């Protein structure tokens, strides 16, 4: 009985020691030594490419639409990319339907012709404005002249001679008549005074001179009367 118990204890101790030794060798990377001793079995190597494909398929199946972005290298980068995707991008404005160019130009030309109604345009807007200012409706000359004549008749209180030359206002009013001097009376007084002066002279010479002066005054008076 004693020998049997000792044998069992020994076998158990060796098994424990063997397991511990194998574990130690594995930890030290002595797999080759274990294989030589027949302590471990060779495991069939899993094809690497097939494993990666299987892993990728499983990841796609698990993640679905929540798989990380391909450009993201870390979780924080993936989160930033997701936040940017969530932001609403403004929708592009709807494109207006393109009008037929030829038809539009034809309509525009027709409307422009109707608005201008035969009006001639220059090369530039400025030149066109100058032409318009020059082409303003002139005044009716004949009507204006007739109106001016009527006003002149009213002011002058009489007919206006259209054939006469141009005159100033003073000429139209006529020359102011000068006050007529009493020429005859004045000359008579002068002759009389001269005669008295000469009579006061001495001798026959004084009287003769007075007579001559009186005769000259009388003759001059007669000449002036004939002229008038």
C-alpha atoms as a PDB file:
ATOM      1  CA  UNK A   1       0.000   0.000   0.000  1.00  0.00           C
ATOM      2  CA  UNK A   2       2.806   2.370   0.839  1.00  0.00           C
ATOM      3  CA  UNK A   3       4.587   1.773  -2.472  1.00  0.00           C
ATOM      4  CA  UNK A   4       1.395   2.402  -4.460  1.00  0.00           C
ATOM      5  CA  UNK A   5       0.817   5.770  -2.831  1.00  0.00           C
ATOM      6  CA  UNK A   6       4.389   6.842  -3.447  1.00  0.00           C
ATOM      7  CA  UNK A   7       4.104   5.945  -7.152  1.00  0.00           C
ATOM      8  CA  UNK A   8       0.954   7.996  -7.619  1.00  0.00           C
ATOM      9  CA  UNK A   9       2.484  11.027  -5.980  1.00  0.00           C
ATOM     10  CA  UNK A  10       5.530  10.734  -8.143  1.00  0.00           C
ATOM     11  CA  UNK A  11       3.572  10.498 -11.391  1.00  0.00           C
ATOM     12  CA  UNK A  12       1.532  13.542 -10.489  1.00  0.00           C
ATOM     13  CA  UNK A  13       4.621  15.523  -9.612  1.00  0.00           C
ATOM     14  CA  UNK A  14       6.302  14.727 -12.920  1.00  0.00           C
ATOM     15  CA  UNK A  15       3.243  15.731 -14.924  1.00  0.00           C
ATOM     16  CA  UNK A  16       3.082  19.028 -13.108  1.00  0.00           C
ATOM     17  CA  UNK A  17       6.764  19.571 -13.650  1.00  0.00           C
ATOM     18  CA  UNK A  18       6.462  18.726 -17.350  1.00  0.00           C
ATOM     19  CA  UNK A  19       3.606  21.167 -17.829  1.00  0.00           C
ATOM     20  CA  UNK A  20       5.518  23.881 -16.042  1.00  0.00           C
ATOM     21  CA  UNK A  21       8.585  23.190 -18.161  1.00  0.00           C
ATOM     22  CA  UNK A  22       6.613  23.336 -21.389  1.00  0.00           C
ATOM     23  CA  UNK A  23       4.992  26.596 -20.300  1.00  0.00           C
ATOM     24  CA  UNK A  24       8.372  28.043 -19.489  1.00  0.00           C
ATOM     25  CA  UNK A  25       9.865  27.061 -22.841  1.00  0.00           C
ATOM     26  CA  UNK A  26       6.892  28.541 -24.689  1.00  0.00           C
ATOM     27  CA  UNK A  27       7.303  31.775 -22.752  1.00  0.00           C
ATOM     28  CA  UNK A  28      10.962  31.886 -23.714  1.00  0.00           C
ATOM     29  CA  UNK A  29      10.167  31.293 -27.368  1.00  0.00           C
ATOM     30  CA  UNK A  30      11.667  27.847 -27.468  1.00  0.00           C
ATOM     31  CA  UNK A  31       8.957  26.476 -29.738  1.00  0.00           C
ATOM     32  CA  UNK A  32      11.505  24.793 -31.996  1.00  0.00           C
ATOM     33  CA  UNK A  33      12.978  22.837 -29.071  1.00  0.00           C
ATOM     34  CA  UNK A  34       9.543  21.712 -27.980  1.00  0.00           C
ATOM     35  CA  UNK A  35       8.777  20.522 -31.500  1.00  0.00           C
ATOM     36  CA  UNK A  36      12.003  18.490 -31.588  1.00  0.00           C
ATOM     37  CA  UNK A  37      11.179  16.867 -28.304  1.00  0.00           C
ATOM     38  CA  UNK A  38       7.684  16.131 -29.504  1.00  0.00           C
ATOM     39  CA  UNK A  39       6.168  18.032 -26.662  1.00  0.00           C
ATOM     40  CA  UNK A  40       3.956  20.246 -28.905  1.00  0.00           C
ATOM     41  CA  UNK A  41       2.067  19.552 -32.132  1.00  0.00           C
ATOM     42  CA  UNK A  42       2.463  21.662 -35.280  1.00  0.00           C
ATOM     43  CA  UNK A  43      -0.653  23.758 -35.931  1.00  0.00           C
ATOM     44  CA  UNK A  44      -1.613  24.306 -39.574  1.00  0.00           C
ATOM     45  CA  UNK A  45      -0.777  27.892 -40.665  1.00  0.00           C
ATOM     46  CA  UNK A  46      -3.823  29.951 -41.628  1.00  0.00           C
ATOM     47  CA  UNK A  47      -3.455  31.564 -45.062  1.00  0.00           C
ATOM     48  CA  UNK A  48      -2.798  35.254 -44.374  1.00  0.00           C
ATOM     49  CA  UNK A  49      -4.637  36.664 -47.383  1.00  0.00           C
ATOM     50  CA  UNK A  50      -7.695  34.652 -46.696  1.00  0.00           C
ATOM     51  CA  UNK A  51      -7.666  35.723 -43.073  1.00  0.00           C
ATOM     52  CA  UNK A  52      -7.505  39.410 -43.953  1.00  0.00           C
ATOM     53  CA  UNK A  53     -10.330  39.069 -46.457  1.00  0.00           C
ATOM     54  CA  UNK A  54     -12.439  37.266 -43.924  1.00  0.00           C
ATOM     55  CA  UNK A  55     -11.704  39.921 -41.303  1.00  0.00           C
ATOM     56  CA  UNK A  56     -12.635  42.722 -43.694  1.00  0.00           C
ATOM     57  CA  UNK A  57     -15.893  41.009 -44.619  1.00  0.00           C
ATOM     58  CA  UNK A  58     -16.781  40.498 -41.001  1.00  0.00           C
ATOM     59  CA  UNK A  59     -15.964  44.143 -40.220  1.00  0.00           C
ATOM     60  CA  UNK A  60     -18.192  45.354 -43.077  1.00  0.00           C
ATOM     61  CA  UNK A  61     -21.006  43.133 -41.886  1.00  0.00           C
ATOM     62  CA  UNK A  62     -20.715  44.320 -38.290  1.00  0.00           C
ATOM     63  CA  UNK A  63     -20.162  48.019 -38.934  1.00  0.00           C
ATOM     64  CA  UNK A  64     -22.493  48.374 -41.888  1.00  0.00           C
ATOM     65  CA  UNK A  65     -22.872  52.111 -42.662  1.00  0.00           C
ATOM     66  CA  UNK A  66     -20.974  53.079 -39.531  1.00  0.00           C
ATOM     67  CA  UNK A  67     -17.553  51.988 -40.700  1.00  0.00           C
ATOM     68  CA  UNK A  68     -14.810  54.652 -40.347  1.00  0.00           C
ATOM     69  CA  UNK A  69     -13.769  56.843 -43.235  1.00  0.00           C
ATOM     70  CA  UNK A  70     -10.936  55.544 -45.356  1.00  0.00           C
ATOM     71  CA  UNK A  71      -8.939  58.790 -44.941  1.00  0.00           C
ATOM     72  CA  UNK A  72      -9.198  58.729 -41.143  1.00  0.00           C
ATOM     73  CA  UNK A  73      -6.175  57.301 -39.356  1.00  0.00           C
ATOM     74  CA  UNK A  74      -7.437  57.746 -35.793  1.00  0.00           C
ATOM     75  CA  UNK A  75     -10.798  57.854 -34.071  1.00  0.00           C
ATOM     76  CA  UNK A  76     -10.577  61.625 -33.552  1.00  0.00           C
ATOM     77  CA  UNK A  77      -9.986  62.180 -37.256  1.00  0.00           C
ATOM     78  CA  UNK A  78     -12.906  59.931 -38.074  1.00  0.00           C
ATOM     79  CA  UNK A  79     -15.108  61.933 -35.715  1.00  0.00           C
ATOM     80  CA  UNK A  80     -14.098  65.215 -37.343  1.00  0.00           C
ATOM     81  CA  UNK A  81     -14.896  63.785 -40.751  1.00  0.00           C
ATOM     82  CA  UNK A  82     -18.298  62.623 -39.548  1.00  0.00           C
ATOM     83  CA  UNK A  83     -19.038  66.094 -38.114  1.00  0.00           C
ATOM     84  CA  UNK A  84     -18.159  67.697 -41.433  1.00  0.00           C
ATOM     85  CA  UNK A  85     -20.455  65.301 -43.255  1.00  0.00           C
ATOM     86  CA  UNK A  86     -23.319  66.137 -40.925  1.00  0.00           C
ATOM     87  CA  UNK A  87     -23.071  69.848 -41.716  1.00  0.00           C
ATOM     88  CA  UNK A  88     -25.667  70.905 -44.253  1.00  0.00           C
ATOM     89  CA  UNK A  89     -24.141  71.931 -47.527  1.00  0.00           C
ATOM     90  CA  UNK A  90     -26.074  74.707 -49.333  1.00  0.00           C
ATOM     91  CA  UNK A  91     -27.937  73.459 -52.314  1.00  0.00           C
ATOM     92  CA  UNK A  92     -26.805  74.923 -55.617  1.00  0.00           C
ATOM     93  CA  UNK A  93     -29.307  77.367 -57.139  1.00  0.00           C
ATOM     94  CA  UNK A  94     -31.588  75.880 -59.683  1.00  0.00           C
ATOM     95  CA  UNK A  95     -30.398  76.555 -63.176  1.00  0.00           C
ATOM     96  CA  UNK A  96     -32.695  78.796 -65.132  1.00  0.00           C
ATOM     97  CA  UNK A  97     -33.945  77.449 -68.360  1.00  0.00           C
ATOM     98  CA  UNK A  98     -31.838  78.827 -71.159  1.00  0.00           C
ATOM     99  CA  UNK A  99     -33.854  80.929 -73.527  1.00  0.00           C
ATOM    100  CA  UNK A 100     -33.357  80.417 -77.192  1.00  0.00           C
ATOM    101  CA  UNK A 101     -30.737  83.038 -78.083  1.00  0.00           C
ATOM    102  CA  UNK A 102     -31.942  83.753 -81.586  1.00  0.00           C
ATOM    103  CA  UNK A 103     -35.559  84.114 -80.520  1.00  0.00           C
ATOM    104  CA  UNK A 104     -34.659  86.412 -77.633  1.00  0.00           C
ATOM    105  CA  UNK A 105     -32.563  88.698 -79.833  1.00  0.00           C
ATOM    106  CA  UNK A 106     -35.320  88.868 -82.418  1.00  0.00           C
ATOM    107  CA  UNK A 107     -37.898  89.868 -79.791  1.00  0.00           C
ATOM    108  CA  UNK A 108     -35.531  92.480 -78.326  1.00  0.00           C
ATOM    109  CA  UNK A 109     -34.851  93.981 -81.744  1.00  0.00           C
ATOM    110  CA  UNK A 110     -38.566  94.154 -82.482  1.00  0.00           C
ATOM    111  CA  UNK A 111     -39.345  95.902 -79.194  1.00  0.00           C
ATOM    112  CA  UNK A 112     -36.469  98.352 -79.678  1.00  0.00           C
ATOM    113  CA  UNK A 113     -37.693  99.230 -83.145  1.00  0.00           C
ATOM    114  CA  UNK A 114     -41.204  99.857 -81.841  1.00  0.00           C
ATOM    115  CA  UNK A 115     -39.921 102.103 -79.045  1.00  0.00           C
ATOM    116  CA  UNK A 116     -37.578 104.139 -81.238  1.00  0.00           C
ATOM    117  CA  UNK A 117     -40.141 104.525 -84.031  1.00  0.00           C
ATOM    118  CA  UNK A 118     -37.657 105.515 -86.712  1.00  0.00           C
ATOM    119  CA  UNK A 119     -35.382 107.485 -84.413  1.00  0.00           C
ATOM    120  CA  UNK A 120     -31.773 107.470 -85.601  1.00  0.00           C
ATOM    121  CA  UNK A 121     -29.171 106.503 -83.035  1.00  0.00           C
ATOM    122  CA  UNK A 122     -25.508 107.468 -83.010  1.00  0.00           C
ATOM    123  CA  UNK A 123     -22.573 105.228 -82.156  1.00  0.00           C
ATOM    124  CA  UNK A 124     -22.669 106.143 -78.452  1.00  0.00           C
ATOM    125  CA  UNK A 125     -25.310 107.296 -75.972  1.00  0.00           C
ATOM    126  CA  UNK A 126     -23.601 110.663 -75.586  1.00  0.00           C
ATOM    127  CA  UNK A 127     -23.678 111.337 -79.311  1.00  0.00           C
ATOM    128  CA  UNK A 128     -27.325 110.277 -79.421  1.00  0.00           C
ATOM    129  CA  UNK A 129     -28.154 112.750 -76.637  1.00  0.00           C
ATOM    130  CA  UNK A 130     -26.383 115.541 -78.565  1.00  0.00           C
ATOM    131  CA  UNK A 131     -28.386 114.717 -81.676  1.00  0.00           C
ATOM    132  CA  UNK A 132     -31.626 114.784 -79.711  1.00  0.00           C
ATOM    133  CA  UNK A 133     -30.802 118.188 -78.227  1.00  0.00           C
ATOM    134  CA  UNK A 134     -30.073 119.577 -81.697  1.00  0.00           C
ATOM    135  CA  UNK A 135     -33.188 118.039 -83.189  1.00  0.00           C
ATOM    136  CA  UNK A 136     -35.635 119.697 -80.809  1.00  0.00           C
ATOM    137  CA  UNK A 137     -38.735 121.104 -82.483  1.00  0.00           C
ATOM    138  CA  UNK A 138     -37.870 124.633 -83.700  1.00  0.00           C
ATOM    139  CA  UNK A 139     -40.238 127.517 -83.052  1.00  0.00           C
ATOM    140  CA  UNK A 140     -42.528 128.488 -85.848  1.00  0.00           C
ATOM    141  CA  UNK A 141     -40.719 131.532 -87.138  1.00  0.00           C
ATOM    142  CA  UNK A 142     -43.574 133.056 -89.097  1.00  0.00           C
ATOM    143  CA  UNK A 143     -45.995 132.785 -86.201  1.00  0.00           C
ATOM    144  CA  UNK A 144     -43.476 134.329 -83.819  1.00  0.00           C
ATOM    145  CA  UNK A 145     -42.793 137.254 -86.152  1.00  0.00           C
ATOM    146  CA  UNK A 146     -46.503 137.897 -86.665  1.00  0.00           C
ATOM    147  CA  UNK A 147     -47.038 137.886 -82.919  1.00  0.00           C
ATOM    148  CA  UNK A 148     -44.172 140.364 -82.448  1.00  0.00           C
ATOM    149  CA  UNK A 149     -45.677 142.689 -85.071  1.00  0.00           C
ATOM    150  CA  UNK A 150     -49.060 142.632 -83.354  1.00  0.00           C
ATOM    151  CA  UNK A 151     -47.440 143.507 -80.037  1.00  0.00           C
ATOM    152  CA  UNK A 152     -45.494 146.332 -81.691  1.00  0.00           C
ATOM    153  CA  UNK A 153     -48.675 147.748 -83.203  1.00  0.00           C
ATOM    154  CA  UNK A 154     -50.339 147.642 -79.826  1.00  0.00           C
ATOM    155  CA  UNK A 155     -47.429 149.407 -78.143  1.00  0.00           C
ATOM    156  CA  UNK A 156     -46.877 151.995 -80.884  1.00  0.00           C
ATOM    157  CA  UNK A 157     -50.599 152.465 -81.399  1.00  0.00           C
ATOM    158  CA  UNK A 158     -50.353 152.343 -85.152  1.00  0.00           C
ATOM    159  CA  UNK A 159     -49.132 150.452 -88.163  1.00  0.00           C
ATOM    160  CA  UNK A 160     -45.583 149.214 -88.384  1.00  0.00           C
ATOM    161  CA  UNK A 161     -43.686 149.719 -91.633  1.00  0.00           C
ATOM    162  CA  UNK A 162     -42.143 146.334 -92.467  1.00  0.00           C
ATOM    163  CA  UNK A 163     -40.116 147.738 -95.363  1.00  0.00           C
ATOM    164  CA  UNK A 164     -38.257 150.324 -93.320  1.00  0.00           C
ATOM    165  CA  UNK A 165     -34.782 149.581 -92.038  1.00  0.00           C
ATOM    166  CA  UNK A 166     -33.995 148.672 -88.497  1.00  0.00           C
ATOM    167  CA  UNK A 167     -34.278 151.610 -86.106  1.00  0.00           C
ATOM    168  CA  UNK A 168     -33.454 152.191 -82.520  1.00  0.00           C
ATOM    169  CA  UNK A 169     -36.057 153.234 -80.015  1.00  0.00           C
ATOM    170  CA  UNK A 170     -34.957 156.852 -80.150  1.00  0.00           C
ATOM    171  CA  UNK A 171     -35.123 156.792 -83.949  1.00  0.00           C
ATOM    172  CA  UNK A 172     -38.571 155.261 -83.845  1.00  0.00           C
ATOM    173  CA  UNK A 173     -39.773 157.989 -81.533  1.00  0.00           C
ATOM    174  CA  UNK A 174     -38.401 160.615 -83.952  1.00  0.00           C
ATOM    175  CA  UNK A 175     -36.078 163.530 -83.268  1.00  0.00           C
ATOM    176  CA  UNK A 176     -37.137 165.938 -80.617  1.00  0.00           C
ATOM    177  CA  UNK A 177     -38.087 169.179 -82.379  1.00  0.00           C
ATOM    178  CA  UNK A 178     -35.945 172.057 -81.303  1.00  0.00           C
ATOM    179  CA  UNK A 179     -37.619 175.194 -80.105  1.00  0.00           C
ATOM    180  CA  UNK A 180     -37.752 177.696 -82.988  1.00  0.00           C
ATOM    181  CA  UNK A 181     -35.930 180.874 -82.170  1.00  0.00           C
ATOM    182  CA  UNK A 182     -37.495 184.092 -83.063  1.00  0.00           C
ATOM    183  CA  UNK A 183     -34.779 184.679 -85.563  1.00  0.00           C
ATOM    184  CA  UNK A 184     -36.346 187.710 -87.222  1.00  0.00           C
ATOM    185  CA  UNK A 185     -37.016 189.529 -84.009  1.00  0.00           C
ATOM    186  CA  UNK A 186     -33.544 188.795 -82.705  1.00  0.00           C
ATOM    187  CA  UNK A 187     -31.839 190.125 -85.799  1.00  0.00           C
ATOM    188  CA  UNK A 188     -33.951 193.246 -85.750  1.00  0.00           C
ATOM    189  CA  UNK A 189     -32.967 193.918 -82.157  1.00  0.00           C
ATOM    190  CA  UNK A 190     -29.329 193.322 -83.035  1.00  0.00           C
ATOM    191  CA  UNK A 191     -29.515 195.688 -86.005  1.00  0.00           C
ATOM    192  CA  UNK A 192     -31.192 198.330 -83.937  1.00  0.00           C
ATOM    193  CA  UNK A 193     -28.597 198.126 -81.210  1.00  0.00           C
ATOM    194  CA  UNK A 194     -25.833 198.271 -83.779  1.00  0.00           C
ATOM    195  CA  UNK A 195     -27.369 201.306 -85.397  1.00  0.00           C
ATOM    196  CA  UNK A 196     -27.617 203.157 -82.098  1.00  0.00           C
ATOM    197  CA  UNK A 197     -24.038 202.274 -81.310  1.00  0.00           C
ATOM    198  CA  UNK A 198     -22.845 203.586 -84.624  1.00  0.00           C
ATOM    199  CA  UNK A 199     -24.963 206.723 -84.352  1.00  0.00           C
ATOM    200  CA  UNK A 200     -23.142 207.521 -81.177  1.00  0.00           C
ATOM    201  CA  UNK A 201     -20.022 207.642 -83.260  1.00  0.00           C
ATOM    202  CA  UNK A 202     -18.700 210.941 -84.441  1.00  0.00           C
ATOM    203  CA  UNK A 203     -19.026 212.520 -87.814  1.00  0.00           C
ATOM    204  CA  UNK A 204     -20.242 211.251 -91.113  1.00  0.00           C
ATOM    205  CA  UNK A 205     -18.261 208.033 -90.867  1.00  0.00           C
ATOM    206  CA  UNK A 206     -20.324 206.874 -87.928  1.00  0.00           C
ATOM    207  CA  UNK A 207     -23.604 207.524 -89.658  1.00  0.00           C
ATOM    208  CA  UNK A 208     -22.451 205.873 -92.855  1.00  0.00           C
ATOM    209  CA  UNK A 209     -21.317 202.820 -90.951  1.00  0.00           C
ATOM    210  CA  UNK A 210     -24.660 202.644 -89.169  1.00  0.00           C
ATOM    211  CA  UNK A 211     -26.516 202.787 -92.449  1.00  0.00           C
ATOM    212  CA  UNK A 212     -24.338 200.081 -93.938  1.00  0.00           C
ATOM    213  CA  UNK A 213     -24.879 197.845 -90.904  1.00  0.00           C
ATOM    214  CA  UNK A 214     -28.633 198.358 -91.076  1.00  0.00           C
ATOM    215  CA  UNK A 215     -28.676 197.496 -94.757  1.00  0.00           C
ATOM    216  CA  UNK A 216     -26.640 194.346 -94.145  1.00  0.00           C
ATOM    217  CA  UNK A 217     -28.955 193.248 -91.355  1.00  0.00           C
ATOM    218  CA  UNK A 218     -32.017 193.823 -93.508  1.00  0.00           C
ATOM    219  CA  UNK A 219     -30.510 191.849 -96.368  1.00  0.00           C
ATOM    220  CA  UNK A 220     -29.573 188.953 -94.075  1.00  0.00           C
ATOM    221  CA  UNK A 221     -33.051 188.873 -92.622  1.00  0.00           C
ATOM    222  CA  UNK A 222     -34.589 188.693 -96.085  1.00  0.00           C
ATOM    223  CA  UNK A 223     -32.263 185.844 -97.044  1.00  0.00           C
ATOM    224  CA  UNK A 224     -33.210 183.801 -93.977  1.00  0.00           C
ATOM    225  CA  UNK A 225     -36.908 184.329 -94.640  1.00  0.00           C
ATOM    226  CA  UNK A 226     -36.492 183.073 -98.194  1.00  0.00           C
ATOM    227  CA  UNK A 227     -34.735 179.925 -96.959  1.00  0.00           C
ATOM    228  CA  UNK A 228     -37.418 179.103 -94.452  1.00  0.00           C
END
